């Protein structure tokens, strides 16, 4: 049995090695390159294990990976740091101006995505004769709803997009994870029969407690951290305060059954704006923001490598391959509905940049959160089906959508510029 230190050391060594190889020899974005290399390594080890079963290399590596609880690692480890790091760079004034749009995309959009994907999966399973109750199909719809904010935010750094569209993309990416996890929790309660008495009023109260309570908690703890930062000027202590803010807020939110992701996002926005402007010196800002960028890059590299390596320990049934492949267009359809309907409803009161629906739809990249939620499911007839479909959607979205997202954004923004020029010409 390896110790925690041994596991962390092995992961960091492997991540650093693959990251160097990708940077040196492959023209791929870092996170996508690491996922592909982890996936290739998993397939090679599986093939080696089938060709030379006596060596036991594949089983030995899989045994070590099984010691890593992917759900706990992501949901109660990496996620808090990743979301805080992303929120730290968000512009609070722009988020406030677009609050109705971001709120609709991150709440109504998640519900629509869950219903479209869940309903479509349930219908498809019936056609294929697979055992899948409607409530378990909703569970799948809920766990596919959260998008990976890092993939989207990273793309925005390399593409010049209209500020309005950038705010909508980054704001929705930061906040929809928390609401999607809340909906997943409710759907799982119903599917597991622990929520048989869960009426509409009680469900609404739970959503309000988790989402609203998480936002209030994040603002409160962020305000405490802000006052602590303002009282001193010592970058080492202030970096430590930011670490304590993230871990303490997320842990307390979990204990109070509030949304930890929403709490750390709100705290991150407060510290990244009001805290940076009024409570940090220039030196402190450089160290705090540099520290969190390093945390962000390191944890993302480890996470995407883990997604690829998890193929070694996840048991897939070949008979479920068809529904896994069919889940890909269903996920895209759900994402399109979750973006298109709120935009159509709000267009009368809010302006939208051309290409908003197409960029947000294709930019709905699914990552570690969806895999972690799928792996957390209890044993049931639906678990294998949901896990297979989740992995198919995640691999497609990270590799195909992730590699082409920059091109989609460029084409959409170019089309909008050409349209503006044409409208101004006599």
Protein backbone atom coordinates (compact mmCIF):
# COMPACT_ATOMS: atom_id res chain seq x y z
CA UNK A 1 0.00 0.00 0.00
CA UNK A 2 1.48 3.31 -1.11
CA UNK A 3 1.40 6.28 1.23
CA UNK A 4 -0.31 9.56 0.30
CA UNK A 5 3.10 11.11 -0.27
CA UNK A 6 4.08 8.29 -2.64
CA UNK A 7 0.89 8.74 -4.67
CA UNK A 8 1.28 12.51 -4.92
CA UNK A 9 4.96 12.16 -5.82
CA UNK A 10 4.22 9.62 -8.54
CA UNK A 11 1.46 11.76 -10.04
CA UNK A 12 3.60 14.90 -10.06
CA UNK A 13 6.57 13.12 -11.64
CA UNK A 14 4.35 11.58 -14.32
CA UNK A 15 2.54 14.88 -14.95
CA UNK A 16 5.79 16.83 -15.24
CA UNK A 17 7.24 14.23 -17.62
CA UNK A 18 4.19 14.17 -19.88
CA UNK A 19 3.87 17.98 -19.77
CA UNK A 20 7.50 18.34 -20.89
CA UNK A 21 7.03 15.81 -23.70
CA UNK A 22 3.87 17.57 -24.87
CA UNK A 23 5.51 21.00 -24.78
CA UNK A 24 8.67 19.77 -26.48
CA UNK A 25 7.26 17.51 -29.19
CA UNK A 26 3.48 17.98 -29.57
CA UNK A 27 1.66 21.11 -30.79
CA UNK A 28 -1.26 20.54 -28.39
CA UNK A 29 -2.74 22.70 -25.62
CA UNK A 30 -1.26 21.53 -22.32
CA UNK A 31 -4.38 20.06 -20.70
CA UNK A 32 -5.62 18.33 -23.86
CA UNK A 33 -2.16 16.96 -24.56
CA UNK A 34 -1.92 15.51 -21.05
CA UNK A 35 -5.35 13.88 -21.32
CA UNK A 36 -4.47 12.31 -24.69
CA UNK A 37 -1.09 11.08 -23.39
CA UNK A 38 -2.75 9.61 -20.30
CA UNK A 39 -5.35 7.93 -22.49
CA UNK A 40 -2.69 6.53 -24.83
CA UNK A 41 -0.70 5.27 -21.85
CA UNK A 42 -3.82 3.52 -20.52
CA UNK A 43 -4.52 1.87 -23.88
CA UNK A 44 -0.89 0.79 -24.29
CA UNK A 45 -0.80 -0.74 -20.82
CA UNK A 46 -4.11 -2.50 -21.49
CA UNK A 47 -2.80 -3.87 -24.79
CA UNK A 48 0.44 -4.96 -23.13
CA UNK A 49 -1.54 -6.69 -20.41
CA UNK A 50 -3.57 -8.60 -23.01
CA UNK A 51 -0.52 -9.55 -25.06
CA UNK A 52 1.72 -10.47 -22.12
CA UNK A 53 -0.56 -11.27 -19.17
CA UNK A 54 2.27 -12.89 -17.23
CA UNK A 55 4.07 -9.58 -16.71
CA UNK A 56 1.21 -8.09 -14.68
CA UNK A 57 2.28 -4.52 -15.49
CA UNK A 58 -1.21 -3.31 -16.32
CA UNK A 59 -2.69 -4.81 -13.14
CA UNK A 60 0.09 -3.34 -11.00
CA UNK A 61 -0.47 0.17 -12.36
CA UNK A 62 -4.26 -0.16 -12.09
CA UNK A 63 -3.92 -1.28 -8.47
CA UNK A 64 -1.95 1.86 -7.63
CA UNK A 65 -4.48 4.09 -9.41
CA UNK A 66 -7.34 2.47 -7.50
CA UNK A 67 -5.86 3.90 -4.32
CA UNK A 68 -6.79 7.36 -5.62
CA UNK A 69 -10.42 8.22 -4.90
CA UNK A 70 -11.11 10.30 -8.01
CA UNK A 71 -14.33 11.77 -6.62
CA UNK A 72 -12.76 12.89 -3.35
CA UNK A 73 -9.65 14.14 -5.14
CA UNK A 74 -11.64 16.35 -7.50
CA UNK A 75 -14.70 17.38 -5.50
CA UNK A 76 -13.05 17.81 -2.09
CA UNK A 77 -9.57 18.68 -3.22
CA UNK A 78 -8.88 20.25 -6.59
CA UNK A 79 -12.23 21.90 -7.37
CA UNK A 80 -12.09 24.54 -4.65
CA UNK A 81 -8.64 25.72 -5.72
CA UNK A 82 -9.44 25.67 -9.45
CA UNK A 83 -12.66 27.65 -9.10
CA UNK A 84 -11.09 30.22 -6.77
CA UNK A 85 -8.16 30.70 -9.16
CA UNK A 86 -10.56 31.27 -12.06
CA UNK A 87 -12.79 33.65 -10.07
CA UNK A 88 -9.80 35.67 -8.89
CA UNK A 89 -9.34 37.09 -12.40
CA UNK A 90 -13.03 37.80 -13.07
CA UNK A 91 -14.12 41.42 -13.49
CA UNK A 92 -16.79 42.05 -10.82
CA UNK A 93 -18.19 45.18 -12.49
CA UNK A 94 -18.75 43.39 -15.79
CA UNK A 95 -20.22 40.36 -14.02
CA UNK A 96 -22.66 42.63 -12.19
CA UNK A 97 -23.79 44.29 -15.45
CA UNK A 98 -24.44 40.87 -17.01
CA UNK A 99 -25.81 39.25 -13.82
CA UNK A 100 -29.29 38.41 -15.25
CA UNK A 101 -27.74 36.72 -18.28
CA UNK A 102 -25.15 34.79 -16.26
CA UNK A 103 -27.75 33.81 -13.67
CA UNK A 104 -30.16 32.51 -16.31
CA UNK A 105 -27.43 30.52 -18.12
CA UNK A 106 -26.10 29.02 -14.87
CA UNK A 107 -29.51 28.06 -13.43
CA UNK A 108 -32.26 27.77 -16.04
CA UNK A 109 -29.65 26.56 -18.53
CA UNK A 110 -28.55 23.74 -16.23
CA UNK A 111 -32.16 22.61 -15.69
CA UNK A 112 -32.87 22.65 -19.43
CA UNK A 113 -29.68 20.74 -20.17
CA UNK A 114 -30.54 18.14 -17.54
CA UNK A 115 -34.06 17.64 -18.94
CA UNK A 116 -33.03 17.47 -22.61
CA UNK A 117 -30.07 15.13 -22.05
CA UNK A 118 -31.89 13.04 -19.46
CA UNK A 119 -35.06 12.70 -21.52
CA UNK A 120 -33.13 11.90 -24.70
CA UNK A 121 -30.98 9.29 -22.94
CA UNK A 122 -34.00 7.63 -21.37
CA UNK A 123 -35.78 7.43 -24.74
CA UNK A 124 -32.68 6.07 -26.46
CA UNK A 125 -32.17 3.45 -23.74
CA UNK A 126 -35.76 2.25 -24.22
CA UNK A 127 -35.21 1.98 -27.97
CA UNK A 128 -32.04 -0.06 -27.42
CA UNK A 129 -33.68 -2.19 -24.74
CA UNK A 130 -31.33 -1.06 -21.97
CA UNK A 131 -32.43 -0.85 -18.32
CA UNK A 132 -32.52 2.83 -17.38
CA UNK A 133 -35.21 4.46 -15.26
CA UNK A 134 -36.14 8.05 -16.03
CA UNK A 135 -34.79 9.34 -12.70
CA UNK A 136 -31.39 7.76 -13.42
CA UNK A 137 -31.45 9.37 -16.85
CA UNK A 138 -31.97 12.71 -15.09
CA UNK A 139 -28.95 11.93 -12.90
CA UNK A 140 -26.89 11.53 -16.08
CA UNK A 141 -28.31 14.78 -17.46
CA UNK A 142 -27.36 16.60 -14.27
CA UNK A 143 -23.79 15.32 -14.12
CA UNK A 144 -23.19 16.21 -17.78
CA UNK A 145 -24.54 19.75 -17.29
CA UNK A 146 -21.45 21.27 -15.58
CA UNK A 147 -18.84 22.60 -17.98
CA UNK A 148 -15.10 22.96 -17.47
CA UNK A 149 -14.45 26.67 -16.82
CA UNK A 150 -10.69 26.28 -17.23
CA UNK A 151 -10.86 25.11 -20.85
CA UNK A 152 -13.06 28.07 -21.76
CA UNK A 153 -11.08 30.66 -19.79
CA UNK A 154 -7.80 29.41 -21.25
CA UNK A 155 -9.15 29.83 -24.78
CA UNK A 156 -10.34 33.36 -24.03
CA UNK A 157 -6.77 34.33 -23.14
CA UNK A 158 -5.57 33.54 -26.68
CA UNK A 159 -8.51 34.98 -28.66
CA UNK A 160 -9.68 38.60 -28.86
CA UNK A 161 -13.44 38.35 -28.25
CA UNK A 162 -15.97 41.13 -27.57
CA UNK A 163 -15.95 42.02 -23.86
CA UNK A 164 -19.69 41.30 -23.55
CA UNK A 165 -19.29 37.79 -24.94
CA UNK A 166 -16.20 37.19 -22.80
CA UNK A 167 -18.14 38.16 -19.66
CA UNK A 168 -21.05 35.86 -20.54
CA UNK A 169 -18.72 32.93 -21.23
CA UNK A 170 -16.50 33.30 -18.19
CA UNK A 171 -19.35 34.13 -15.79
CA UNK A 172 -21.49 31.18 -16.89
CA UNK A 173 -18.49 28.85 -16.78
CA UNK A 174 -17.67 29.84 -13.20
CA UNK A 175 -21.18 29.64 -11.75
CA UNK A 176 -22.88 26.75 -13.57
CA UNK A 177 -20.71 24.11 -11.85
CA UNK A 178 -22.11 24.87 -8.42
CA UNK A 179 -25.75 24.86 -9.54
CA UNK A 180 -25.25 21.69 -11.61
CA UNK A 181 -23.83 19.87 -8.57
CA UNK A 182 -26.89 20.97 -6.56
CA UNK A 183 -29.22 19.55 -9.24
CA UNK A 184 -27.16 16.34 -9.38
CA UNK A 185 -27.56 15.93 -5.62
CA UNK A 186 -31.34 16.32 -5.86
CA UNK A 187 -31.62 13.93 -8.81
CA UNK A 188 -29.46 11.33 -7.06
CA UNK A 189 -31.64 11.53 -3.95
CA UNK A 190 -34.69 10.77 -6.06
CA UNK A 191 -32.99 7.96 -7.98
CA UNK A 192 -31.63 6.36 -4.81
CA UNK A 193 -35.08 6.49 -3.20
CA UNK A 194 -33.68 8.61 -0.36
CA UNK A 195 -35.75 11.49 -1.64
CA UNK A 196 -39.15 9.82 -2.08
CA UNK A 197 -40.78 12.43 0.13
CA UNK A 198 -38.97 15.25 -1.65
CA UNK A 199 -41.73 17.57 -2.85
CA UNK A 200 -41.41 20.63 -5.04
CA UNK A 201 -41.37 23.02 -2.07
CA UNK A 202 -38.72 21.03 -0.24
CA UNK A 203 -36.61 20.73 -3.39
CA UNK A 204 -36.83 24.50 -3.87
CA UNK A 205 -35.79 25.06 -0.27
CA UNK A 206 -32.79 22.77 -0.70
CA UNK A 207 -31.71 24.59 -3.85
CA UNK A 208 -32.08 27.94 -2.08
CA UNK A 209 -30.06 26.70 0.91
CA UNK A 210 -27.25 25.24 -1.18
CA UNK A 211 -26.96 27.89 -3.88
CA UNK A 212 -28.09 31.00 -1.99
CA UNK A 213 -26.46 29.91 1.25
CA UNK A 214 -23.21 29.17 -0.57
CA UNK A 215 -23.18 32.64 -2.16
CA UNK A 216 -23.84 34.36 1.18
CA UNK A 217 -21.18 32.27 2.92
CA UNK A 218 -18.61 33.07 0.21
CA UNK A 219 -19.32 36.79 0.50
CA UNK A 220 -19.07 36.67 4.31
CA UNK A 221 -15.80 34.75 4.46
CA UNK A 222 -14.40 36.81 1.58
CA UNK A 223 -15.20 39.98 3.50
CA UNK A 224 -13.39 38.66 6.58
CA UNK A 225 -10.35 37.79 4.46
CA UNK A 226 -10.50 41.22 2.78
CA UNK A 227 -10.37 43.01 6.15
CA UNK A 228 -7.49 40.79 7.26
CA UNK A 229 -5.57 41.57 4.06
CA UNK A 230 -6.21 45.28 4.42
CA UNK A 231 -4.80 45.35 7.96
CA UNK A 232 -1.30 44.15 6.95
CA UNK A 233 1.25 44.36 4.15
CA UNK A 234 3.14 41.06 4.10
CA UNK A 235 2.77 39.03 0.91
CA UNK A 236 3.67 35.69 2.55
CA UNK A 237 0.94 36.02 5.17
CA UNK A 238 -1.53 37.31 2.59
CA UNK A 239 -0.95 34.30 0.33
CA UNK A 240 -1.54 32.13 3.41
CA UNK A 241 -4.79 34.00 4.11
CA UNK A 242 -6.00 33.30 0.57
CA UNK A 243 -5.25 29.59 1.05
CA UNK A 244 -7.11 29.57 4.37
CA UNK A 245 -10.04 31.36 2.74
CA UNK A 246 -10.42 28.70 0.05
CA UNK A 247 -10.04 25.64 2.23
CA UNK A 248 -11.99 27.02 5.19
CA UNK A 249 -14.89 28.29 3.07
CA UNK A 250 -15.23 25.06 1.10
CA UNK A 251 -15.00 22.85 4.21
CA UNK A 252 -17.54 24.93 6.13
CA UNK A 253 -19.92 24.95 3.16
CA UNK A 254 -19.73 21.15 3.00
CA UNK A 255 -20.42 20.87 6.73
CA UNK A 256 -23.45 23.18 6.45
CA UNK A 257 -24.72 21.44 3.27
CA UNK A 258 -24.19 24.56 1.19
CA UNK A 259 -22.60 24.79 -2.24
CA UNK A 260 -18.83 24.92 -1.78
CA UNK A 261 -18.18 25.72 -5.48
CA UNK A 262 -20.50 28.75 -5.43
CA UNK A 263 -19.02 29.91 -2.11
CA UNK A 264 -15.40 29.90 -3.30
CA UNK A 265 -16.33 31.58 -6.61
CA UNK A 266 -18.03 34.46 -4.76
CA UNK A 267 -15.09 34.75 -2.36
CA UNK A 268 -12.66 34.67 -5.28
CA UNK A 269 -14.47 37.45 -7.16
CA UNK A 270 -14.48 39.63 -4.03
CA UNK A 271 -10.78 39.12 -3.28
CA UNK A 272 -9.75 39.42 -6.93
CA UNK A 273 -11.48 42.79 -7.30
CA UNK A 274 -12.08 44.69 -4.08
CA UNK A 275 -9.26 42.90 -2.29
CA UNK A 276 -6.73 43.48 -5.06
CA UNK A 277 -7.66 47.17 -5.46
CA UNK A 278 -8.00 48.23 -1.82
CA UNK A 279 -6.21 45.67 0.37
CA UNK A 280 -3.05 44.62 -1.51
CA UNK A 281 0.15 46.39 -2.39
CA UNK A 282 1.62 46.00 -5.86
CA UNK A 283 4.09 43.42 -4.54
CA UNK A 284 1.36 41.44 -2.79
CA UNK A 285 -0.82 41.42 -5.90
CA UNK A 286 2.06 40.02 -7.95
CA UNK A 287 2.70 37.23 -5.47
CA UNK A 288 -0.94 36.35 -4.74
CA UNK A 289 -2.04 36.24 -8.38
CA UNK A 290 1.18 34.49 -9.44
CA UNK A 291 0.73 31.87 -6.73
CA UNK A 292 -2.84 31.10 -7.77
CA UNK A 293 -1.95 30.94 -11.44
CA UNK A 294 0.72 28.36 -10.58
CA UNK A 295 -1.79 26.37 -8.47
CA UNK A 296 -4.29 26.56 -11.34
CA UNK A 297 -1.84 25.31 -13.99
CA UNK A 298 -0.42 22.52 -11.80
CA UNK A 299 -3.75 21.10 -10.60
CA UNK A 300 -5.24 21.26 -14.09
CA UNK A 301 -2.31 19.33 -15.50
CA UNK A 302 -2.69 16.61 -12.85
CA UNK A 303 -6.49 16.49 -13.30
CA UNK A 304 -6.45 16.01 -17.06
CA UNK A 305 -3.74 13.36 -16.82
CA UNK A 306 -5.84 11.53 -14.21
CA UNK A 307 -8.88 11.57 -16.50
CA UNK A 308 -6.85 9.74 -19.14
CA UNK A 309 -5.27 7.29 -16.70
CA UNK A 310 -8.63 6.43 -15.08
CA UNK A 311 -9.40 4.40 -18.22
CA UNK A 312 -7.23 1.70 -16.65
CA UNK A 313 -9.48 1.22 -13.63
CA UNK A 314 -12.95 1.98 -15.04
CA UNK A 315 -14.76 -1.12 -16.24
CA UNK A 316 -16.63 -0.48 -19.51
CA UNK A 317 -19.12 -2.88 -21.07
CA UNK A 318 -18.69 -3.17 -24.87
CA UNK A 319 -22.44 -3.67 -25.26
CA UNK A 320 -23.01 -0.10 -24.04
CA UNK A 321 -20.79 1.49 -26.68
CA UNK A 322 -23.72 2.55 -28.87
CA UNK A 323 -25.45 4.56 -26.16
CA UNK A 324 -22.10 6.07 -25.22
CA UNK A 325 -21.61 7.34 -28.77
CA UNK A 326 -25.22 8.49 -29.04
CA UNK A 327 -24.79 10.48 -25.82
CA UNK A 328 -22.40 12.84 -27.62
CA UNK A 329 -25.01 14.51 -29.91
CA UNK A 330 -27.49 14.41 -27.02
CA UNK A 331 -25.05 16.36 -24.85
CA UNK A 332 -24.59 18.92 -27.63
CA UNK A 333 -28.36 19.20 -28.08
CA UNK A 334 -28.82 19.73 -24.35
CA UNK A 335 -26.09 22.37 -24.32
CA UNK A 336 -27.67 24.14 -27.30
CA UNK A 337 -31.05 24.23 -25.53
CA UNK A 338 -29.48 25.41 -22.27
CA UNK A 339 -27.89 28.36 -24.10
CA UNK A 340 -30.35 29.12 -26.89
CA UNK A 341 -33.54 29.30 -24.82
CA UNK A 342 -32.24 31.70 -22.10
CA UNK A 343 -30.65 33.90 -24.77
CA UNK A 344 -33.92 33.98 -26.74
CA UNK A 345 -35.90 34.88 -23.61
CA UNK A 346 -33.52 37.63 -22.53
CA UNK A 347 -32.78 39.14 -25.94
CA UNK A 348 -35.63 41.64 -25.56
CA UNK A 349 -33.98 43.22 -22.48
CA UNK A 350 -30.30 42.42 -22.96
CA UNK A 351 -28.01 42.76 -25.96
CA UNK A 352 -25.93 39.77 -27.03
CA UNK A 353 -22.82 39.67 -29.18
CA UNK A 354 -23.24 37.83 -32.52
CA UNK A 355 -22.14 34.23 -32.20
CA UNK A 356 -23.02 33.97 -28.50
CA UNK A 357 -25.13 30.82 -28.89
CA UNK A 358 -22.66 28.98 -31.14
CA UNK A 359 -19.62 29.86 -29.02
CA UNK A 360 -21.32 28.98 -25.74
CA UNK A 361 -22.71 25.74 -27.18
CA UNK A 362 -19.40 24.49 -28.56
CA UNK A 363 -17.54 25.93 -25.58
CA UNK A 364 -19.51 23.73 -23.17
CA UNK A 365 -16.53 21.45 -22.58
CA UNK A 366 -17.12 18.75 -19.95
CA UNK A 367 -14.22 17.64 -17.78
CA UNK A 368 -13.22 16.28 -14.41
CA UNK A 369 -16.39 17.25 -12.54
CA UNK A 370 -18.60 15.08 -14.75
CA UNK A 371 -16.22 12.11 -14.43
CA UNK A 372 -15.99 12.55 -10.66
CA UNK A 373 -19.78 12.68 -10.24
CA UNK A 374 -20.22 9.59 -12.43
CA UNK A 375 -17.63 7.64 -10.42
CA UNK A 376 -19.40 8.62 -7.19
CA UNK A 377 -22.63 6.83 -8.20
CA UNK A 378 -23.66 3.87 -6.02
CA UNK A 379 -23.83 0.38 -7.49
CA UNK A 380 -26.97 0.04 -9.59
CA UNK A 381 -27.98 -1.34 -13.01
CA UNK A 382 -27.66 2.18 -14.40
CA UNK A 383 -24.10 2.87 -13.17
CA UNK A 384 -22.20 1.18 -16.02
CA UNK A 385 -24.39 2.81 -18.65
CA UNK A 386 -23.99 6.28 -17.13
CA UNK A 387 -20.23 5.86 -16.66
CA UNK A 388 -19.74 4.74 -20.28
CA UNK A 389 -21.83 7.61 -21.65
CA UNK A 390 -20.04 10.12 -19.40
CA UNK A 391 -16.58 9.07 -20.54
CA UNK A 392 -17.59 9.20 -24.21
CA UNK A 393 -18.99 12.72 -23.83
CA UNK A 394 -16.00 13.96 -21.79
CA UNK A 395 -13.38 12.57 -24.18
CA UNK A 396 -15.19 14.01 -27.21
CA UNK A 397 -15.70 17.42 -25.62
CA UNK A 398 -12.16 17.79 -24.29
CA UNK A 399 -10.35 16.49 -27.38
CA UNK A 400 -12.61 17.52 -30.29
CA UNK A 401 -14.38 20.59 -28.88
CA UNK A 402 -11.31 21.69 -26.94
CA UNK A 403 -9.04 21.55 -29.99
CA UNK A 404 -11.52 23.35 -32.24
CA UNK A 405 -12.95 25.88 -29.76
CA UNK A 406 -10.43 28.58 -30.62
CA UNK A 407 -11.34 28.27 -34.30
CA UNK A 408 -15.07 28.52 -33.53
CA UNK A 409 -14.51 31.64 -31.42
CA UNK A 410 -12.35 33.24 -34.13
CA UNK A 411 -14.89 32.51 -36.87
CA UNK A 412 -17.78 33.82 -34.76
CA UNK A 413 -16.00 37.04 -33.83
CA UNK A 414 -14.80 37.53 -37.42
CA UNK A 415 -18.36 37.08 -38.70
CA UNK A 416 -19.62 39.64 -36.18
CA UNK A 417 -16.95 42.15 -37.25
CA UNK A 418 -17.81 41.64 -40.94
CA UNK A 419 -21.48 42.06 -40.15
CA UNK A 420 -20.81 45.32 -38.31
CA UNK A 421 -18.69 46.62 -41.19
CA UNK A 422 -21.39 45.74 -43.72
CA UNK A 423 -24.07 47.51 -41.69
CA UNK A 424 -21.94 50.69 -41.54
CA UNK A 425 -21.10 50.75 -45.26
CA UNK A 426 -23.31 52.99 -47.50
